[in-house]
Amino acid sequence: MSRRRSATVSKLPILLLGIMSIASFGGPFGLVWILSGGRRSGWPPDRLVEWASLLGVSGLVVGLLMLLLALSLANLKAMKAETESEREGAKP
């Protein structure tokens, strides 16, 4: 009987999840701080830096989400292939 070893977890997804959490929770506070400046402190933003920060924070969160989903699917596919190869090796 073979003993299964515990899977090693890559640090990249955990790091990306941490960055996405900071951007998701801190981003709105940063946007409120940036939007409070300028001639008008309301919507729509009147300065280019306000639009750039809005698109930057939104793009960062969406990009990290897509990257984490891609890493998750790749990990799932690798785990499935490993499980199938173990099943093939266990057959008499």
Protein backbone atom coordinates (compact mmCIF):
# COMPACT_ATOMS: atom_id res chain seq x y z
CA MET A 1 0.00 0.00 0.00
CA SER A 2 1.49 3.32 -1.03
CA ARG A 3 1.31 6.23 1.29
CA ARG A 4 0.09 9.47 -0.27
CA ARG A 5 2.21 12.48 0.38
CA SER A 6 0.60 15.76 1.22
CA ALA A 7 0.32 18.17 -1.65
CA THR A 8 2.65 21.13 -1.64
CA VAL A 9 0.88 24.43 -1.98
CA SER A 10 2.38 27.05 -4.24
CA LYS A 11 2.91 30.45 -2.68
CA LEU A 12 1.96 32.35 -5.85
CA PRO A 13 -1.83 31.87 -5.58
CA ILE A 14 -1.76 32.81 -1.90
CA LEU A 15 0.25 35.95 -2.68
CA LEU A 16 -2.11 36.88 -5.52
CA LEU A 17 -5.13 36.30 -3.29
CA GLY A 18 -3.63 38.59 -0.66
CA ILE A 19 -3.01 41.33 -3.23
CA MET A 20 -6.55 40.92 -4.57
CA SER A 21 -7.97 41.14 -1.04
CA ILE A 22 -6.07 44.36 -0.38
CA ALA A 23 -7.21 45.83 -3.72
CA SER A 24 -10.82 44.73 -3.14
CA PHE A 25 -11.10 46.15 0.36
CA GLY A 26 -8.66 49.05 0.17
CA GLY A 27 -9.49 50.11 -3.37
CA PRO A 28 -12.86 51.71 -2.58
CA PHE A 29 -11.32 53.72 0.27
CA GLY A 30 -8.55 54.87 -2.02
CA LEU A 31 -11.06 55.82 -4.70
CA VAL A 32 -13.12 57.86 -2.22
CA TRP A 33 -9.95 59.64 -1.11
CA ILE A 34 -8.94 60.40 -4.71
CA LEU A 35 -12.47 61.40 -5.78
CA SER A 36 -12.78 63.85 -2.88
CA GLY A 37 -10.18 66.13 -4.52
CA GLY A 38 -10.60 68.33 -7.54
CA ARG A 39 -13.15 71.01 -8.32
CA ARG A 40 -16.11 68.70 -7.80
CA SER A 41 -16.11 66.03 -5.17
CA GLY A 42 -18.87 63.95 -6.71
CA TRP A 43 -19.66 61.77 -9.64
CA PRO A 44 -18.56 61.79 -12.48
CA PRO A 45 -14.86 62.33 -11.88
CA ASP A 46 -13.53 65.55 -13.38
CA ARG A 47 -9.79 64.82 -13.37
CA LEU A 48 -7.80 62.37 -15.43
CA VAL A 49 -6.13 60.93 -12.33
CA GLU A 50 -9.56 60.05 -10.93
CA TRP A 51 -10.50 58.12 -14.06
CA ALA A 52 -7.09 56.45 -14.21
CA SER A 53 -7.30 55.33 -10.58
CA LEU A 54 -10.86 54.06 -11.05
CA LEU A 55 -9.91 52.03 -14.11
CA GLY A 56 -6.62 50.94 -12.53
CA VAL A 57 -8.16 49.57 -9.34
CA SER A 58 -11.03 47.91 -11.23
CA GLY A 59 -8.64 46.44 -13.79
CA LEU A 60 -6.31 45.18 -11.06
CA VAL A 61 -9.12 43.35 -9.25
CA VAL A 62 -10.58 41.87 -12.45
CA GLY A 63 -7.15 40.87 -13.75
CA LEU A 64 -6.19 39.18 -10.48
CA LEU A 65 -9.55 37.40 -10.37
CA MET A 66 -9.05 36.03 -13.88
CA LEU A 67 -5.47 34.99 -13.09
CA LEU A 68 -6.54 33.20 -9.92
CA LEU A 69 -9.34 31.41 -11.80
CA ALA A 70 -6.86 30.31 -14.47
CA LEU A 71 -4.44 29.02 -11.81
CA SER A 72 -7.31 27.19 -10.12
CA LEU A 73 -8.38 25.50 -13.34
CA ALA A 74 -4.79 24.52 -14.14
CA ASN A 75 -4.38 23.08 -10.64
CA LEU A 76 -7.65 21.19 -10.95
CA LYS A 77 -6.56 19.71 -14.28
CA ALA A 78 -3.19 18.67 -12.82
CA MET A 79 -4.85 17.05 -9.79
CA LYS A 80 -7.26 15.17 -12.04
CA ALA A 81 -4.41 13.88 -14.20
CA GLU A 82 -2.46 12.81 -11.11
CA THR A 83 -5.49 10.98 -9.69
CA GLU A 84 -6.08 9.18 -12.99
CA SER A 85 -2.43 8.13 -13.21
CA GLU A 86 -2.59 6.77 -9.64
CA ARG A 87 -5.70 4.80 -10.56
CA GLU A 88 -3.99 3.34 -13.60
CA GLY A 89 -0.98 2.38 -11.49
CA ALA A 90 -3.15 0.74 -8.82
CA LYS A 91 -4.95 -1.58 -11.26
CA PRO A 92 -3.66 -5.17 -11.17
